[in-house]
């Protein structure tokens, strides 16, 4: 349930002079009757229709775009491009961890073409999730560049396992549901 959806329900409830719970229940019943996913719910077929993959990367450098030195370099190099996407002062952690993917896309596109101090190219970027990091590498967003695939080759330095089912009671799945206030069938 997004804040904007909740605001619409509250506005509708006020218009009809009904409690928000009544309006929410009516909307959810109609959505269910029409085969739509109810806000705040993930149906079992979503989970059952997907696999969880583990990726293994060859060693290589990743750029942490939330690091203060990286932010300084990005501000210096991309000031005018950032202004075009309404980053009007300086790039901060707030923009990097926001939901504005046009900002992270500009950053990633520029970083992808940079040669690092050791003469290598970065493998990709990482930055903390807007929902927060929980340690042990969890809670980060990662973007890996398929540089070899971009030129028609198939040997990028990444491998994947065959994938595993997302079980209903998987601890990571139930943690994510609880963390974000989502229910699942």
Foldseek 3Di string as FASTA:
>chain_A
DDPVVLVVLVVVCVVVVHDSVVSLVVVQVVCVVVVHDRPQEDEPVVQQVDFDKDKDFDDFAAAECQDPVNQVVCCVPCVVVVVVVPPPDGDHLCVVQDPPVVVVVVSFVVLQPDQDPVRHRGQWYKYAHNLGADDPPRRMDIDGDQVQVVVPDDPHRMDMDPTDGDDPVDPVVVCVSVSVSHYYD
